Amino acid sequence: YALSDADIDKWLVSNAAYLSAGQVRRISKGGDHYEKLGITDVDDYIDKSDLCSAIRMRSGGRAATFFTNGGRYRFVNGRLVAGMLDVKGIGTHELADVSHPKVTGLLN
């Protein structure tokens, strides 16, 4: 069956519209990006209670792979079977080296 564009948009937002904890910290008050976005209160834009886990590949930059469909997965014959979505641009991770001014974690 086919999904409408609106259904696809809704699915993408519910499965991949996340920022990394490191990026949220950087754009919050006291973070090195707080002044860059002109946002007074990050909580007006980000629901910090809506959390999920993702897999970050080594040297993956701002990308992460999310389990889709509520994080459901299973193992079949010792192999992981899951819906996964590779998402680019979610922001830097907590331990990222941000010493260079060009390493913002923001898409530019």
PDB file of N, CA and C in Angstrom:
ATOM      1  N   TYR A   1       0.832  -1.172   0.000  1.00  0.00           N
ATOM      2  CA  TYR A   1       0.000   0.000   0.000  1.00  0.00           C
ATOM      3  C   TYR A   1       0.883   1.244   0.000  1.00  0.00           C
ATOM      4  N   ALA A   2       0.355   2.334  -0.462  1.00  0.00           N
ATOM      5  CA  ALA A   2       1.116   3.575  -0.570  1.00  0.00           C
ATOM      6  C   ALA A   2       0.745   4.526   0.573  1.00  0.00           C
ATOM      7  N   LEU A   3       1.729   5.245   1.041  1.00  0.00           N
ATOM      8  CA  LEU A   3       1.498   6.254   2.068  1.00  0.00           C
ATOM      9  C   LEU A   3       1.478   7.631   1.421  1.00  0.00           C
ATOM     10  N   SER A   4       0.714   8.515   2.002  1.00  0.00           N
ATOM     11  CA  SER A   4       0.699   9.896   1.516  1.00  0.00           C
ATOM     12  C   SER A   4       1.973  10.603   1.984  1.00  0.00           C
ATOM     13  N   ASP A   5       2.273  11.741   1.389  1.00  0.00           N
ATOM     14  CA  ASP A   5       3.431  12.521   1.827  1.00  0.00           C
ATOM     15  C   ASP A   5       3.291  12.914   3.295  1.00  0.00           C
ATOM     16  N   ALA A   6       2.082  13.255   3.712  1.00  0.00           N
ATOM     17  CA  ALA A   6       1.848  13.627   5.105  1.00  0.00           C
ATOM     18  C   ALA A   6       2.118  12.449   6.046  1.00  0.00           C
ATOM     19  N   ASP A   7       1.725  11.236   5.644  1.00  0.00           N
ATOM     20  CA  ASP A   7       1.988  10.046   6.464  1.00  0.00           C
ATOM     21  C   ASP A   7       3.489   9.769   6.562  1.00  0.00           C
ATOM     22  N   ILE A   8       4.182   9.943   5.452  1.00  0.00           N
ATOM     23  CA  ILE A   8       5.636   9.740   5.448  1.00  0.00           C
ATOM     24  C   ILE A   8       6.305  10.778   6.340  1.00  0.00           C
ATOM     25  N   ASP A   9       5.891  12.031   6.231  1.00  0.00           N
ATOM     26  CA  ASP A   9       6.448  13.087   7.085  1.00  0.00           C
ATOM     27  C   ASP A   9       6.232  12.765   8.562  1.00  0.00           C
ATOM     28  N   LYS A  10       5.030  12.332   8.907  1.00  0.00           N
ATOM     29  CA  LYS A  10       4.707  11.997  10.297  1.00  0.00           C
ATOM     30  C   LYS A  10       5.587  10.848  10.789  1.00  0.00           C
ATOM     31  N   TRP A  11       5.783   9.823   9.955  1.00  0.00           N
ATOM     32  CA  TRP A  11       6.624   8.688  10.327  1.00  0.00           C
ATOM     33  C   TRP A  11       8.073   9.144  10.540  1.00  0.00           C
ATOM     34  N   LEU A  12       8.582   9.975   9.643  1.00  0.00           N
ATOM     35  CA  LEU A  12       9.955  10.460   9.773  1.00  0.00           C
ATOM     36  C   LEU A  12      10.137  11.277  11.050  1.00  0.00           C
ATOM     37  N   VAL A  13       9.212  12.159  11.337  1.00  0.00           N
ATOM     38  CA  VAL A  13       9.313  12.972  12.545  1.00  0.00           C
ATOM     39  C   VAL A  13       9.259  12.088  13.786  1.00  0.00           C
ATOM     40  N   SER A  14       8.373  11.104  13.817  1.00  0.00           N
ATOM     41  CA  SER A  14       8.254  10.258  15.006  1.00  0.00           C
ATOM     42  C   SER A  14       9.434   9.305  15.171  1.00  0.00           C
ATOM     43  N   ASN A  15      10.161   9.009  14.115  1.00  0.00           N
ATOM     44  CA  ASN A  15      11.281   8.064  14.198  1.00  0.00           C
ATOM     45  C   ASN A  15      12.661   8.702  14.129  1.00  0.00           C
ATOM     46  N   ALA A  16      12.760   9.971  13.689  1.00  0.00           N
ATOM     47  CA  ALA A  16      14.095  10.511  13.466  1.00  0.00           C
ATOM     48  C   ALA A  16      14.279  11.976  13.837  1.00  0.00           C
ATOM     49  N   ALA A  17      13.302  12.627  14.392  1.00  0.00           N
ATOM     50  CA  ALA A  17      13.434  14.056  14.710  1.00  0.00           C
ATOM     51  C   ALA A  17      14.022  14.235  16.103  1.00  0.00           C
ATOM     52  N   TYR A  18      15.295  13.948  16.229  1.00  0.00           N
ATOM     53  CA  TYR A  18      15.982  14.034  17.509  1.00  0.00           C
ATOM     54  C   TYR A  18      17.289  14.790  17.352  1.00  0.00           C
ATOM     55  N   LEU A  19      17.735  15.406  18.429  1.00  0.00           N
ATOM     56  CA  LEU A  19      19.063  15.998  18.514  1.00  0.00           C
ATOM     57  C   LEU A  19      19.843  15.205  19.548  1.00  0.00           C
ATOM     58  N   SER A  20      21.145  15.121  19.354  1.00  0.00           N
ATOM     59  CA  SER A  20      21.968  14.426  20.337  1.00  0.00           C
ATOM     60  C   SER A  20      22.002  15.218  21.641  1.00  0.00           C
ATOM     61  N   ALA A  21      22.244  14.515  22.734  1.00  0.00           N
ATOM     62  CA  ALA A  21      22.350  15.171  24.041  1.00  0.00           C
ATOM     63  C   ALA A  21      23.475  16.201  24.026  1.00  0.00           C
ATOM     64  N   GLY A  22      24.562  15.873  23.340  1.00  0.00           N
ATOM     65  CA  GLY A  22      25.677  16.814  23.246  1.00  0.00           C
ATOM     66  C   GLY A  22      25.290  18.089  22.528  1.00  0.00           C
ATOM     67  N   GLN A  23      24.503  17.964  21.458  1.00  0.00           N
ATOM     68  CA  GLN A  23      24.085  19.155  20.718  1.00  0.00           C
ATOM     69  C   GLN A  23      23.096  19.988  21.530  1.00  0.00           C
ATOM     70  N   VAL A  24      22.192  19.339  22.236  1.00  0.00           N
ATOM     71  CA  VAL A  24      21.251  20.079  23.084  1.00  0.00           C
ATOM     72  C   VAL A  24      22.017  20.852  24.147  1.00  0.00           C
ATOM     73  N   ARG A  25      23.020  20.224  24.748  1.00  0.00           N
ATOM     74  CA  ARG A  25      23.840  20.900  25.749  1.00  0.00           C
ATOM     75  C   ARG A  25      24.528  22.122  25.144  1.00  0.00           C
ATOM     76  N   ARG A  26      25.016  21.997  23.905  1.00  0.00           N
ATOM     77  CA  ARG A  26      25.747  23.095  23.268  1.00  0.00           C
ATOM     78  C   ARG A  26      24.842  24.270  22.889  1.00  0.00           C
ATOM     79  N   ILE A  27      23.563  24.021  22.593  1.00  0.00           N
ATOM     80  CA  ILE A  27      22.677  25.128  22.222  1.00  0.00           C
ATOM     81  C   ILE A  27      21.901  25.680  23.413  1.00  0.00           C
ATOM     82  N   SER A  28      22.048  25.049  24.575  1.00  0.00           N
ATOM     83  CA  SER A  28      21.380  25.519  25.785  1.00  0.00           C
ATOM     84  C   SER A  28      22.186  26.629  26.445  1.00  0.00           C
ATOM     85  N   LYS A  29      21.556  27.354  27.353  1.00  0.00           N
ATOM     86  CA  LYS A  29      22.230  28.431  28.066  1.00  0.00           C
ATOM     87  C   LYS A  29      23.499  27.900  28.726  1.00  0.00           C
ATOM     88  N   GLY A  30      24.612  28.592  28.496  1.00  0.00           N
ATOM     89  CA  GLY A  30      25.903  28.159  29.006  1.00  0.00           C
ATOM     90  C   GLY A  30      26.708  27.358  27.995  1.00  0.00           C
ATOM     91  N   GLY A  31      26.056  26.906  26.918  1.00  0.00           N
ATOM     92  CA  GLY A  31      26.744  26.156  25.873  1.00  0.00           C
ATOM     93  C   GLY A  31      27.414  27.084  24.862  1.00  0.00           C
ATOM     94  N   ASP A  32      28.360  26.551  24.116  1.00  0.00           N
ATOM     95  CA  ASP A  32      29.110  27.380  23.174  1.00  0.00           C
ATOM     96  C   ASP A  32      28.301  27.821  21.956  1.00  0.00           C
ATOM     97  N   HIS A  33      27.104  27.277  21.749  1.00  0.00           N
ATOM     98  CA  HIS A  33      26.250  27.683  20.627  1.00  0.00           C
ATOM     99  C   HIS A  33      25.030  28.480  21.052  1.00  0.00           C
ATOM    100  N   TYR A  34      24.903  28.740  22.323  1.00  0.00           N
ATOM    101  CA  TYR A  34      23.709  29.420  22.825  1.00  0.00           C
ATOM    102  C   TYR A  34      23.449  30.735  22.091  1.00  0.00           C
ATOM    103  N   GLU A  35      24.472  31.516  21.875  1.00  0.00           N
ATOM    104  CA  GLU A  35      24.327  32.824  21.223  1.00  0.00           C
ATOM    105  C   GLU A  35      24.091  32.693  19.713  1.00  0.00           C
ATOM    106  N   LYS A  36      24.531  31.617  19.082  1.00  0.00           N
ATOM    107  CA  LYS A  36      24.478  31.483  17.623  1.00  0.00           C
ATOM    108  C   LYS A  36      23.066  31.379  17.066  1.00  0.00           C
ATOM    109  N   LEU A  37      22.150  30.764  17.785  1.00  0.00           N
ATOM    110  CA  LEU A  37      20.810  30.512  17.256  1.00  0.00           C
ATOM    111  C   LEU A  37      19.785  31.561  17.656  1.00  0.00           C
ATOM    112  N   GLY A  38      20.104  32.405  18.611  1.00  0.00           N
ATOM    113  CA  GLY A  38      19.160  33.427  19.035  1.00  0.00           C
ATOM    114  C   GLY A  38      17.946  32.868  19.754  1.00  0.00           C
ATOM    115  N   ILE A  39      18.089  31.707  20.363  1.00  0.00           N
ATOM    116  CA  ILE A  39      16.985  31.073  21.094  1.00  0.00           C
ATOM    117  C   ILE A  39      17.137  31.422  22.569  1.00  0.00           C
ATOM    118  N   THR A  40      16.087  31.967  23.153  1.00  0.00           N
ATOM    119  CA  THR A  40      16.132  32.331  24.565  1.00  0.00           C
ATOM    120  C   THR A  40      16.008  31.098  25.458  1.00  0.00           C
ATOM    121  N   ASP A  41      15.052  30.228  25.129  1.00  0.00           N
ATOM    122  CA  ASP A  41      14.825  29.032  25.942  1.00  0.00           C
ATOM    123  C   ASP A  41      14.684  27.814  25.035  1.00  0.00           C
ATOM    124  N   VAL A  42      15.689  26.961  25.033  1.00  0.00           N
ATOM    125  CA  VAL A  42      15.701  25.759  24.194  1.00  0.00           C
ATOM    126  C   VAL A  42      14.491  24.878  24.473  1.00  0.00           C
ATOM    127  N   ASP A  43      14.015  24.889  25.716  1.00  0.00           N
ATOM    128  CA  ASP A  43      12.876  24.048  26.083  1.00  0.00           C
ATOM    129  C   ASP A  43      11.605  24.421  25.322  1.00  0.00           C
ATOM    130  N   ASP A  44      11.548  25.615  24.750  1.00  0.00           N
ATOM    131  CA  ASP A  44      10.403  25.995  23.917  1.00  0.00           C
ATOM    132  C   ASP A  44      10.388  25.221  22.594  1.00  0.00           C
ATOM    133  N   TYR A  45      11.534  24.662  22.215  1.00  0.00           N
ATOM    134  CA  TYR A  45      11.676  23.995  20.920  1.00  0.00           C
ATOM    135  C   TYR A  45      11.970  22.505  21.014  1.00  0.00           C
ATOM    136  N   ILE A  46      12.507  22.073  22.141  1.00  0.00           N
ATOM    137  CA  ILE A  46      12.939  20.678  22.282  1.00  0.00           C
ATOM    138  C   ILE A  46      12.236  20.035  23.465  1.00  0.00           C
ATOM    139  N   ASP A  47      11.613  18.888  23.221  1.00  0.00           N
ATOM    140  CA  ASP A  47      10.976  18.115  24.282  1.00  0.00           C
ATOM    141  C   ASP A  47      12.031  17.169  24.856  1.00  0.00           C
ATOM    142  N   LYS A  48      12.615  17.552  25.968  1.00  0.00           N
ATOM    143  CA  LYS A  48      13.683  16.747  26.562  1.00  0.00           C
ATOM    144  C   LYS A  48      13.181  15.477  27.217  1.00  0.00           C
ATOM    145  N   SER A  49      11.863  15.305  27.329  1.00  0.00           N
ATOM    146  CA  SER A  49      11.319  14.072  27.904  1.00  0.00           C
ATOM    147  C   SER A  49      11.132  12.993  26.834  1.00  0.00           C
ATOM    148  N   ASP A  50      11.194  13.370  25.562  1.00  0.00           N
ATOM    149  CA  ASP A  50      11.034  12.408  24.455  1.00  0.00           C
ATOM    150  C   ASP A  50      12.423  11.942  24.027  1.00  0.00           C
ATOM    151  N   LEU A  51      12.886  10.881  24.651  1.00  0.00           N
ATOM    152  CA  LEU A  51      14.238  10.382  24.426  1.00  0.00           C
ATOM    153  C   LEU A  51      14.219   9.072  23.658  1.00  0.00           C
ATOM    154  N   CYS A  52      15.308   8.788  22.978  1.00  0.00           N
ATOM    155  CA  CYS A  52      15.466   7.489  22.331  1.00  0.00           C
ATOM    156  C   CYS A  52      16.950   7.173  22.260  1.00  0.00           C
ATOM    157  N   SER A  53      17.237   5.943  21.953  1.00  0.00           N
ATOM    158  CA  SER A  53      18.630   5.520  21.786  1.00  0.00           C
ATOM    159  C   SER A  53      18.922   5.336  20.311  1.00  0.00           C
ATOM    160  N   ALA A  54      20.168   5.541  19.969  1.00  0.00           N
ATOM    161  CA  ALA A  54      20.616   5.348  18.592  1.00  0.00           C
ATOM    162  C   ALA A  54      22.040   4.816  18.630  1.00  0.00           C
ATOM    163  N   ILE A  55      22.464   4.292  17.520  1.00  0.00           N
ATOM    164  CA  ILE A  55      23.819   3.764  17.392  1.00  0.00           C
ATOM    165  C   ILE A  55      24.633   4.773  16.593  1.00  0.00           C
ATOM    166  N   ARG A  56      25.796   5.138  17.122  1.00  0.00           N
ATOM    167  CA  ARG A  56      26.689   6.042  16.412  1.00  0.00           C
ATOM    168  C   ARG A  56      27.890   5.239  15.936  1.00  0.00           C
ATOM    169  N   MET A  57      28.118   5.235  14.648  1.00  0.00           N
ATOM    170  CA  MET A  57      29.269   4.531  14.098  1.00  0.00           C
ATOM    171  C   MET A  57      30.540   5.311  14.406  1.00  0.00           C
ATOM    172  N   ARG A  58      31.617   4.609  14.598  1.00  0.00           N
ATOM    173  CA  ARG A  58      32.893   5.269  14.856  1.00  0.00           C
ATOM    174  C   ARG A  58      33.219   6.199  13.700  1.00  0.00           C
ATOM    175  N   SER A  59      33.626   7.402  14.008  1.00  0.00           N
ATOM    176  CA  SER A  59      33.940   8.447  13.022  1.00  0.00           C
ATOM    177  C   SER A  59      32.726   8.794  12.163  1.00  0.00           C
ATOM    178  N   GLY A  60      31.538   8.635  12.722  1.00  0.00           N
ATOM    179  CA  GLY A  60      30.310   8.917  11.979  1.00  0.00           C
ATOM    180  C   GLY A  60      29.896  10.372  11.995  1.00  0.00           C
ATOM    181  N   GLY A  61      30.670  11.221  12.673  1.00  0.00           N
ATOM    182  CA  GLY A  61      30.330  12.638  12.703  1.00  0.00           C
ATOM    183  C   GLY A  61      29.015  12.891  13.409  1.00  0.00           C
ATOM    184  N   ARG A  62      28.137  13.628  12.727  1.00  0.00           N
ATOM    185  CA  ARG A  62      26.853  14.000  13.319  1.00  0.00           C
ATOM    186  C   ARG A  62      25.752  12.983  13.033  1.00  0.00           C
ATOM    187  N   ALA A  63      26.090  11.838  12.468  1.00  0.00           N
ATOM    188  CA  ALA A  63      25.095  10.838  12.070  1.00  0.00           C
ATOM    189  C   ALA A  63      24.864   9.804  13.179  1.00  0.00           C
ATOM    190  N   ALA A  64      23.695   9.205  13.139  1.00  0.00           N
ATOM    191  CA  ALA A  64      23.363   8.101  14.042  1.00  0.00           C
ATOM    192  C   ALA A  64      22.324   7.225  13.359  1.00  0.00           C
ATOM    193  N   THR A  65      22.245   5.980  13.791  1.00  0.00           N
ATOM    194  CA  THR A  65      21.264   5.047  13.255  1.00  0.00           C
ATOM    195  C   THR A  65      20.235   4.752  14.338  1.00  0.00           C
ATOM    196  N   PHE A  66      18.973   5.027  14.029  1.00  0.00           N
ATOM    197  CA  PHE A  66      17.877   4.835  14.970  1.00  0.00           C
ATOM    198  C   PHE A  66      17.149   3.532  14.679  1.00  0.00           C
ATOM    199  N   PHE A  67      16.706   2.858  15.755  1.00  0.00           N
ATOM    200  CA  PHE A  67      15.758   1.760  15.590  1.00  0.00           C
ATOM    201  C   PHE A  67      14.402   2.410  15.339  1.00  0.00           C
ATOM    202  N   THR A  68      13.684   1.966  14.332  1.00  0.00           N
ATOM    203  CA  THR A  68      12.378   2.542  14.020  1.00  0.00           C
ATOM    204  C   THR A  68      11.268   1.727  14.684  1.00  0.00           C
ATOM    205  N   ASN A  69      10.054   2.184  14.503  1.00  0.00           N
ATOM    206  CA  ASN A  69       8.864   1.472  14.987  1.00  0.00           C
ATOM    207  C   ASN A  69       8.918   1.184  16.485  1.00  0.00           C
ATOM    208  N   GLY A  70       9.193   2.227  17.234  1.00  0.00           N
ATOM    209  CA  GLY A  70       9.183   2.092  18.691  1.00  0.00           C
ATOM    210  C   GLY A  70      10.370   1.337  19.254  1.00  0.00           C
ATOM    211  N   GLY A  71      11.418   1.176  18.480  1.00  0.00           N
ATOM    212  CA  GLY A  71      12.606   0.500  18.963  1.00  0.00           C
ATOM    213  C   GLY A  71      12.496  -1.017  19.012  1.00  0.00           C
ATOM    214  N   ARG A  72      11.473  -1.555  18.377  1.00  0.00           N
ATOM    215  CA  ARG A  72      11.298  -3.017  18.403  1.00  0.00           C
ATOM    216  C   ARG A  72      12.360  -3.689  17.532  1.00  0.00           C
ATOM    217  N   TYR A  73      12.918  -4.763  18.061  1.00  0.00           N
ATOM    218  CA  TYR A  73      13.882  -5.569  17.315  1.00  0.00           C
ATOM    219  C   TYR A  73      13.824  -6.988  17.838  1.00  0.00           C
ATOM    220  N   ARG A  74      14.458  -7.891  17.121  1.00  0.00           N
ATOM    221  CA  ARG A  74      14.516  -9.285  17.573  1.00  0.00           C
ATOM    222  C   ARG A  74      15.783  -9.924  17.002  1.00  0.00           C
ATOM    223  N   PHE A  75      16.111 -11.071  17.507  1.00  0.00           N
ATOM    224  CA  PHE A  75      17.239 -11.830  16.985  1.00  0.00           C
ATOM    225  C   PHE A  75      16.706 -13.094  16.327  1.00  0.00           C
ATOM    226  N   VAL A  76      17.148 -13.356  15.118  1.00  0.00           N
ATOM    227  CA  VAL A  76      16.762 -14.553  14.376  1.00  0.00           C
ATOM    228  C   VAL A  76      18.056 -15.277  14.008  1.00  0.00           C
ATOM    229  N   ASN A  77      18.192 -16.497  14.498  1.00  0.00           N
ATOM    230  CA  ASN A  77      19.408 -17.280  14.249  1.00  0.00           C
ATOM    231  C   ASN A  77      20.668 -16.498  14.600  1.00  0.00           C
ATOM    232  N   GLY A  78      20.603 -15.772  15.723  1.00  0.00           N
ATOM    233  CA  GLY A  78      21.767 -15.026  16.197  1.00  0.00           C
ATOM    234  C   GLY A  78      22.013 -13.706  15.492  1.00  0.00           C
ATOM    235  N   ARG A  79      21.124 -13.305  14.607  1.00  0.00           N
ATOM    236  CA  ARG A  79      21.299 -12.044  13.871  1.00  0.00           C
ATOM    237  C   ARG A  79      20.224 -11.043  14.261  1.00  0.00           C
ATOM    238  N   LEU A  80      20.642  -9.797  14.378  1.00  0.00           N
ATOM    239  CA  LEU A  80      19.718  -8.725  14.713  1.00  0.00           C
ATOM    240  C   LEU A  80      18.809  -8.432  13.528  1.00  0.00           C
ATOM    241  N   VAL A  81      17.514  -8.401  13.766  1.00  0.00           N
ATOM    242  CA  VAL A  81      16.535  -8.034  12.742  1.00  0.00           C
ATOM    243  C   VAL A  81      15.755  -6.842  13.298  1.00  0.00           C
ATOM    244  N   ALA A  82      15.852  -5.709  12.601  1.00  0.00           N
ATOM    245  CA  ALA A  82      15.190  -4.499  13.092  1.00  0.00           C
ATOM    246  C   ALA A  82      15.015  -3.516  11.956  1.00  0.00           C
ATOM    247  N   GLY A  83      14.010  -2.661  12.095  1.00  0.00           N
ATOM    248  CA  GLY A  83      13.888  -1.525  11.202  1.00  0.00           C
ATOM    249  C   GLY A  83      14.852  -0.464  11.689  1.00  0.00           C
ATOM    250  N   MET A  84      15.687   0.035  10.805  1.00  0.00           N
ATOM    251  CA  MET A  84      16.676   1.027  11.202  1.00  0.00           C
ATOM    252  C   MET A  84      16.684   2.161  10.188  1.00  0.00           C
ATOM    253  N   LEU A  85      17.042   3.342  10.665  1.00  0.00           N
ATOM    254  CA  LEU A  85      17.077   4.517   9.809  1.00  0.00           C
ATOM    255  C   LEU A  85      18.342   5.292  10.115  1.00  0.00           C
ATOM    256  N   ASP A  86      19.166   5.500   9.104  1.00  0.00           N
ATOM    257  CA  ASP A  86      20.401   6.251   9.252  1.00  0.00           C
ATOM    258  C   ASP A  86      20.076   7.730   9.081  1.00  0.00           C
ATOM    259  N   VAL A  87      20.360   8.516  10.108  1.00  0.00           N
ATOM    260  CA  VAL A  87      19.994   9.931  10.115  1.00  0.00           C
ATOM    261  C   VAL A  87      21.257  10.784  10.205  1.00  0.00           C
ATOM    262  N   LYS A  88      21.352  11.746   9.335  1.00  0.00           N
ATOM    263  CA  LYS A  88      22.505  12.650   9.306  1.00  0.00           C
ATOM    264  C   LYS A  88      22.157  13.955  10.011  1.00  0.00           C
ATOM    265  N   GLY A  89      23.139  14.554  10.638  1.00  0.00           N
ATOM    266  CA  GLY A  89      22.980  15.902  11.174  1.00  0.00           C
ATOM    267  C   GLY A  89      22.239  16.024  12.485  1.00  0.00           C
ATOM    268  N   ILE A  90      22.373  15.043  13.396  1.00  0.00           N
ATOM    269  CA  ILE A  90      21.671  15.161  14.680  1.00  0.00           C
ATOM    270  C   ILE A  90      22.505  15.920  15.708  1.00  0.00           C
ATOM    271  N   GLY A  91      23.744  16.237  15.361  1.00  0.00           N
ATOM    272  CA  GLY A  91      24.602  17.004  16.263  1.00  0.00           C
ATOM    273  C   GLY A  91      25.739  16.179  16.812  1.00  0.00           C
ATOM    274  N   THR A  92      26.663  16.874  17.429  1.00  0.00           N
ATOM    275  CA  THR A  92      27.855  16.234  17.967  1.00  0.00           C
ATOM    276  C   THR A  92      27.507  15.392  19.188  1.00  0.00           C
ATOM    277  N   HIS A  93      28.332  14.390  19.431  1.00  0.00           N
ATOM    278  CA  HIS A  93      28.116  13.567  20.623  1.00  0.00           C
ATOM    279  C   HIS A  93      28.764  14.237  21.828  1.00  0.00           C
ATOM    280  N   GLU A  94      28.455  13.733  23.004  1.00  0.00           N
ATOM    281  CA  GLU A  94      28.898  14.351  24.255  1.00  0.00           C
ATOM    282  C   GLU A  94      30.414  14.491  24.368  1.00  0.00           C
ATOM    283  N   LEU A  95      31.164  13.563  23.806  1.00  0.00           N
ATOM    284  CA  LEU A  95      32.621  13.577  23.963  1.00  0.00           C
ATOM    285  C   LEU A  95      33.349  14.123  22.741  1.00  0.00           C
ATOM    286  N   ALA A  96      32.628  14.763  21.825  1.00  0.00           N
ATOM    287  CA  ALA A  96      33.245  15.276  20.593  1.00  0.00           C
ATOM    288  C   ALA A  96      34.254  16.372  20.900  1.00  0.00           C
ATOM    289  N   ASP A  97      35.328  16.394  20.127  1.00  0.00           N
ATOM    290  CA  ASP A  97      36.320  17.456  20.220  1.00  0.00           C
ATOM    291  C   ASP A  97      35.750  18.677  19.507  1.00  0.00           C
ATOM    292  N   VAL A  98      35.420  19.695  20.268  1.00  0.00           N
ATOM    293  CA  VAL A  98      34.821  20.903  19.686  1.00  0.00           C
ATOM    294  C   VAL A  98      35.752  22.100  19.849  1.00  0.00           C
ATOM    295  N   SER A  99      37.057  21.839  19.914  1.00  0.00           N
ATOM    296  CA  SER A  99      38.014  22.908  20.160  1.00  0.00           C
ATOM    297  C   SER A  99      38.196  23.835  18.957  1.00  0.00           C
ATOM    298  N   HIS A 100      37.901  23.372  17.755  1.00  0.00           N
ATOM    299  CA  HIS A 100      38.042  24.207  16.561  1.00  0.00           C
ATOM    300  C   HIS A 100      36.719  24.911  16.282  1.00  0.00           C
ATOM    301  N   PRO A 101      36.733  26.214  15.949  1.00  0.00           N
ATOM    302  CA  PRO A 101      35.474  26.940  15.734  1.00  0.00           C
ATOM    303  C   PRO A 101      34.633  26.419  14.569  1.00  0.00           C
ATOM    304  N   LYS A 102      35.213  25.678  13.628  1.00  0.00           N
ATOM    305  CA  LYS A 102      34.442  25.143  12.515  1.00  0.00           C
ATOM    306  C   LYS A 102      33.720  23.860  12.882  1.00  0.00           C
ATOM    307  N   VAL A 103      34.041  23.274  14.027  1.00  0.00           N
ATOM    308  CA  VAL A 103      33.406  22.036  14.454  1.00  0.00           C
ATOM    309  C   VAL A 103      32.190  22.407  15.300  1.00  0.00           C
ATOM    310  N   THR A 104      31.113  22.783  14.634  1.00  0.00           N
ATOM    311  CA  THR A 104      29.945  23.265  15.367  1.00  0.00           C
ATOM    312  C   THR A 104      28.925  22.184  15.642  1.00  0.00           C
ATOM    313  N   GLY A 105      28.869  21.155  14.817  1.00  0.00           N
ATOM    314  CA  GLY A 105      27.811  20.165  14.931  1.00  0.00           C
ATOM    315  C   GLY A 105      26.540  20.614  14.241  1.00  0.00           C
ATOM    316  N   LEU A 106      26.498  21.871  13.830  1.00  0.00           N
ATOM    317  CA  LEU A 106      25.352  22.403  13.108  1.00  0.00           C
ATOM    318  C   LEU A 106      25.592  22.233  11.624  1.00  0.00           C
ATOM    319  N   LEU A 107      24.529  22.043  10.865  1.00  0.00           N
ATOM    320  CA  LEU A 107      24.675  21.958   9.413  1.00  0.00           C
ATOM    321  C   LEU A 107      24.974  23.347   8.894  1.00  0.00           C
ATOM    322  N   ASN A 108      26.052  23.494   8.146  1.00  0.00           N
ATOM    323  CA  ASN A 108      26.404  24.797   7.606  1.00  0.00           C
ATOM    324  C   ASN A 108      26.906  24.687   6.196  1.00  0.00           C
TER     325      ASN A 108
END
